[in-house]
Amino acid sequence: GAMAASMSPDVAWLQVRVGSGVGVVENMLWEDVAAMRDEGLDAAQTQEVVAFDREIYGLAMAGATREAGNAAAAKYADRPWFKTLYPKGFSTSENGWAWLRANGAIESVDYLRKVRCPVNWYFGAIDGNVPTARSAPRVLQALIDAGNPDFAVTVLPSDHSFFADVPRDKPVNGQHPYTSYAVQLPLRNDDGTLRIAPALVQKNADTAGA
């Protein structure tokens, strides 16, 4: 979204839901930490995994061969966490390695500094996929640097999905959720603060132009 808005004058308005404000690799590392937590790794093991990932990602971004990445990974093969994460051994695909080389250094804020159309950027405070505490200030500063006259950066009490956990037999705003997706949308309170509330989007509805 930010990339397109920075390159095309045809973008009249940019709305982003839980878009990261850190670089691609830094965001991947944040996701890795969340994945390690799900795997039951402790803090020391997680720190080792992050160092491992950073080394492998760095090799790809520096133009090293995929074989060099696999060889570097072999140094960690005796670590207990390695066997947990890679029971069949570590190996990268050519496509994945090429993608990382081409995209690992991309920073969304570099494009945001060129965006002048109105921007609404939403974060989830408990997002496991995006480091909100680091991202929100960077997005805000990039829009200020751009001299953008019309933007809002909002952190909502939500996770990454923004989907509402609504039982299928519980009505939402008087409607049954069986044939709809329950999502969370920001609403303005009387005192000007924001809150999120469940709403329904029909599964057969075209919302592309919404």
Protein backbone atom coordinates (compact mmCIF):
# COMPACT_ATOMS: atom_id res chain seq x y z
CA GLY A 1 0.00 0.00 0.00
CA ALA A 2 2.65 2.55 1.01
CA MET A 3 4.78 1.62 -1.98
CA ALA A 4 1.90 2.08 -4.42
CA ALA A 5 0.79 5.34 -2.81
CA SER A 6 4.32 6.74 -3.05
CA MET A 7 4.62 5.93 -6.75
CA SER A 8 1.19 6.69 -8.16
CA PRO A 9 -0.74 9.98 -8.07
CA ASP A 10 -3.90 7.94 -8.67
CA VAL A 11 -3.99 6.71 -5.06
CA ALA A 12 -6.45 9.06 -3.36
CA TRP A 13 -6.51 7.49 0.09
CA LEU A 14 -4.41 4.91 1.93
CA GLN A 15 -5.84 2.75 4.71
CA VAL A 16 -3.57 0.12 6.25
CA ARG A 17 -4.53 -2.49 8.82
CA VAL A 18 -1.61 -3.76 10.93
CA GLY A 19 1.05 -2.88 8.38
CA SER A 20 4.56 -2.99 9.77
CA GLY A 21 6.67 0.09 10.32
CA VAL A 22 9.97 -1.79 10.53
CA GLY A 23 12.02 -3.40 7.77
CA VAL A 24 11.11 -6.75 6.25
CA VAL A 25 13.84 -8.69 8.05
CA GLU A 26 13.15 -7.04 11.41
CA ASN A 27 9.49 -7.92 11.08
CA MET A 28 10.38 -11.50 10.16
CA LEU A 29 12.50 -11.71 13.31
CA TRP A 30 9.55 -10.46 15.38
CA GLU A 31 7.37 -13.19 13.88
CA ASP A 32 10.12 -15.72 14.60
CA VAL A 33 10.11 -14.76 18.28
CA ALA A 34 6.34 -15.32 18.44
CA ALA A 35 6.79 -18.70 16.75
CA MET A 36 9.51 -19.68 19.24
CA ARG A 37 7.17 -18.82 22.08
CA ASP A 38 4.54 -21.12 20.57
CA GLU A 39 7.16 -23.88 20.34
CA GLY A 40 7.89 -23.53 24.04
CA LEU A 41 11.46 -22.22 23.72
CA ASP A 42 12.83 -20.25 26.64
CA ALA A 43 14.31 -16.75 26.44
CA ALA A 44 17.91 -17.94 26.02
CA GLN A 45 16.99 -20.35 23.22
CA THR A 46 14.88 -17.70 21.52
CA GLN A 47 17.84 -15.32 21.61
CA GLU A 48 20.00 -17.95 19.91
CA VAL A 49 17.36 -18.54 17.24
CA VAL A 50 17.14 -14.81 16.52
CA ALA A 51 20.94 -14.66 16.13
CA PHE A 52 20.79 -17.67 13.82
CA ASP A 53 17.99 -16.18 11.73
CA ARG A 54 19.74 -12.83 11.53
CA GLU A 55 22.90 -14.52 10.24
CA ILE A 56 21.02 -16.53 7.59
CA TYR A 57 18.91 -13.57 6.46
CA GLY A 58 22.02 -11.40 6.32
CA LEU A 59 23.80 -13.85 4.04
CA ALA A 60 20.90 -13.84 1.59
CA MET A 61 20.68 -10.06 1.58
CA ALA A 62 24.43 -9.77 1.04
CA GLY A 63 24.19 -11.88 -2.11
CA ALA A 64 25.65 -15.12 -0.74
CA THR A 65 24.60 -18.40 -2.31
CA ARG A 66 21.88 -20.60 -0.90
CA GLU A 67 24.53 -23.25 -0.29
CA ALA A 68 26.43 -20.78 1.87
CA GLY A 69 23.30 -20.28 3.94
CA ASN A 70 22.80 -24.00 4.39
CA ALA A 71 26.48 -24.38 5.40
CA ALA A 72 26.13 -21.59 7.97
CA ALA A 73 23.04 -23.27 9.40
CA ALA A 74 24.96 -26.52 9.87
CA LYS A 75 27.01 -24.84 12.62
CA TYR A 76 23.91 -24.78 14.82
CA ALA A 77 22.83 -28.38 14.19
CA ASP A 78 23.84 -29.55 17.67
CA ARG A 79 21.64 -27.01 19.45
CA PRO A 80 18.55 -28.54 21.12
CA TRP A 81 16.26 -25.93 19.57
CA PHE A 82 17.61 -26.72 16.09
CA LYS A 83 16.28 -30.26 16.27
CA THR A 84 12.94 -28.96 17.50
CA LEU A 85 12.56 -26.44 14.69
CA TYR A 86 14.18 -28.45 11.91
CA PRO A 87 13.63 -32.16 12.65
CA LYS A 88 14.46 -33.01 9.02
CA GLY A 89 17.40 -30.62 8.80
CA PHE A 90 17.63 -27.03 7.60
CA SER A 91 17.28 -26.20 3.92
CA THR A 92 16.16 -23.14 1.99
CA SER A 93 14.46 -23.01 -1.40
CA GLU A 94 15.88 -21.10 -4.34
CA ASN A 95 12.73 -18.99 -4.53
CA GLY A 96 12.78 -18.18 -0.82
CA TRP A 97 16.46 -17.25 -0.94
CA ALA A 98 15.95 -15.04 -4.00
CA TRP A 99 12.93 -13.36 -2.41
CA LEU A 100 14.88 -12.56 0.73
CA ARG A 101 17.77 -11.15 -1.27
CA ALA A 102 15.41 -8.88 -3.21
CA ASN A 103 13.09 -7.79 -0.40
CA GLY A 104 14.84 -8.20 2.95
CA ALA A 105 16.04 -4.60 3.14
CA ILE A 106 12.72 -2.96 2.19
CA GLU A 107 11.46 -0.39 4.69
CA SER A 108 7.85 0.79 4.41
CA VAL A 109 8.73 4.10 6.05
CA ASP A 110 11.04 4.96 3.13
CA TYR A 111 7.96 4.98 0.91
CA LEU A 112 5.73 6.65 3.49
CA ARG A 113 8.01 9.68 3.49
CA LYS A 114 6.79 10.29 -0.07
CA VAL A 115 3.06 9.78 0.56
CA ARG A 116 0.89 12.89 0.47
CA CYS A 117 -2.60 11.40 0.16
CA PRO A 118 -4.74 10.97 3.31
CA VAL A 119 -3.61 7.99 5.43
CA ASN A 120 -5.36 5.93 8.09
CA TRP A 121 -2.96 3.39 9.64
CA TYR A 122 -4.20 0.96 12.28
CA PHE A 123 -2.14 -1.22 14.62
CA GLY A 124 -3.13 -3.92 17.09
CA ALA A 125 -1.68 -3.48 20.56
CA ILE A 126 -1.22 -7.24 21.07
CA ASP A 127 -0.15 -8.09 17.52
CA GLY A 128 2.15 -11.13 17.34
CA ASN A 129 2.97 -10.51 13.67
CA VAL A 130 3.93 -6.83 13.76
CA PRO A 131 6.03 -5.08 16.46
CA THR A 132 3.52 -2.33 17.20
CA ALA A 133 5.56 -0.57 19.88
CA ARG A 134 8.40 -0.05 17.39
CA SER A 135 6.28 0.35 14.26
CA ALA A 136 3.74 2.99 15.29
CA PRO A 137 6.28 5.73 16.15
CA ARG A 138 8.20 5.09 12.93
CA VAL A 139 5.07 5.30 10.78
CA LEU A 140 4.02 8.48 12.58
CA GLN A 141 7.43 10.09 12.11
CA ALA A 142 7.59 9.11 8.43
CA LEU A 143 4.25 10.80 7.74
CA ILE A 144 5.41 13.90 9.61
CA ASP A 145 8.63 13.89 7.56
CA ALA A 146 6.53 13.64 4.41
CA GLY A 147 4.70 16.82 5.32
CA ASN A 148 1.48 14.86 4.95
CA PRO A 149 -1.38 17.16 5.98
CA ASP A 150 -4.00 14.47 6.62
CA PHE A 151 -3.16 11.26 8.48
CA ALA A 152 -3.99 9.25 11.59
CA VAL A 153 -1.97 6.47 13.23
CA THR A 154 -4.09 4.51 15.68
CA VAL A 155 -3.28 1.64 18.05
CA LEU A 156 -6.35 -0.45 18.87
CA PRO A 157 -6.71 -3.12 21.58
CA SER A 158 -6.61 -5.97 19.09
CA ASP A 159 -4.35 -8.69 17.73
CA HIS A 160 -3.19 -9.00 14.13
CA SER A 161 -6.40 -10.39 12.68
CA PHE A 162 -8.87 -7.72 13.83
CA PHE A 163 -11.40 -10.53 13.61
CA ALA A 164 -13.87 -10.65 16.47
CA ASP A 165 -14.23 -13.80 18.55
CA VAL A 166 -18.00 -14.06 18.28
CA PRO A 167 -19.90 -17.32 18.93
CA ARG A 168 -21.92 -18.42 15.92
CA ASP A 169 -25.13 -18.45 17.95
CA LYS A 170 -24.69 -14.92 19.33
CA PRO A 171 -26.26 -12.05 17.33
CA VAL A 172 -24.12 -9.06 16.41
CA ASN A 173 -26.02 -5.79 16.19
CA GLY A 174 -29.23 -7.80 15.97
CA GLN A 175 -28.00 -10.01 13.09
CA HIS A 176 -26.99 -13.66 13.11
CA PRO A 177 -23.28 -14.19 12.24
CA TYR A 178 -23.69 -17.60 10.59
CA THR A 179 -23.37 -16.33 7.00
CA SER A 180 -20.97 -13.48 7.79
CA TYR A 181 -17.46 -12.74 8.98
CA ALA A 182 -17.28 -11.11 12.38
CA VAL A 183 -14.67 -8.34 12.27
CA GLN A 184 -13.59 -5.60 14.63
CA LEU A 185 -13.96 -2.00 13.46
CA PRO A 186 -12.84 1.23 15.12
CA LEU A 187 -15.61 3.43 16.49
CA ARG A 188 -15.36 6.90 17.97
CA ASN A 189 -16.63 7.37 21.52
CA ASP A 190 -18.42 10.55 22.61
CA ASP A 191 -15.23 11.78 24.30
CA GLY A 192 -13.23 11.38 21.09
CA THR A 193 -11.38 8.20 22.05
CA LEU A 194 -11.44 5.11 19.85
CA ARG A 195 -12.72 1.67 20.67
CA ILE A 196 -13.23 -1.46 18.60
CA ALA A 197 -16.57 -3.20 18.27
CA PRO A 198 -17.75 -6.28 16.35
CA ALA A 199 -19.49 -5.89 13.00
CA LEU A 200 -20.57 -8.34 10.32
CA VAL A 201 -19.40 -8.61 6.71
CA GLN A 202 -21.40 -11.05 4.58
CA LYS A 203 -19.31 -13.89 3.19
CA ASN A 204 -20.83 -13.45 -0.27
CA ALA A 205 -20.41 -9.64 -0.33
CA ASP A 206 -17.89 -7.84 -2.49
CA THR A 207 -16.14 -5.39 -0.19
CA ALA A 208 -13.33 -4.41 -2.57
CA GLY A 209 -14.82 -0.98 -3.10
CA ALA A 210 -15.80 -0.42 0.51
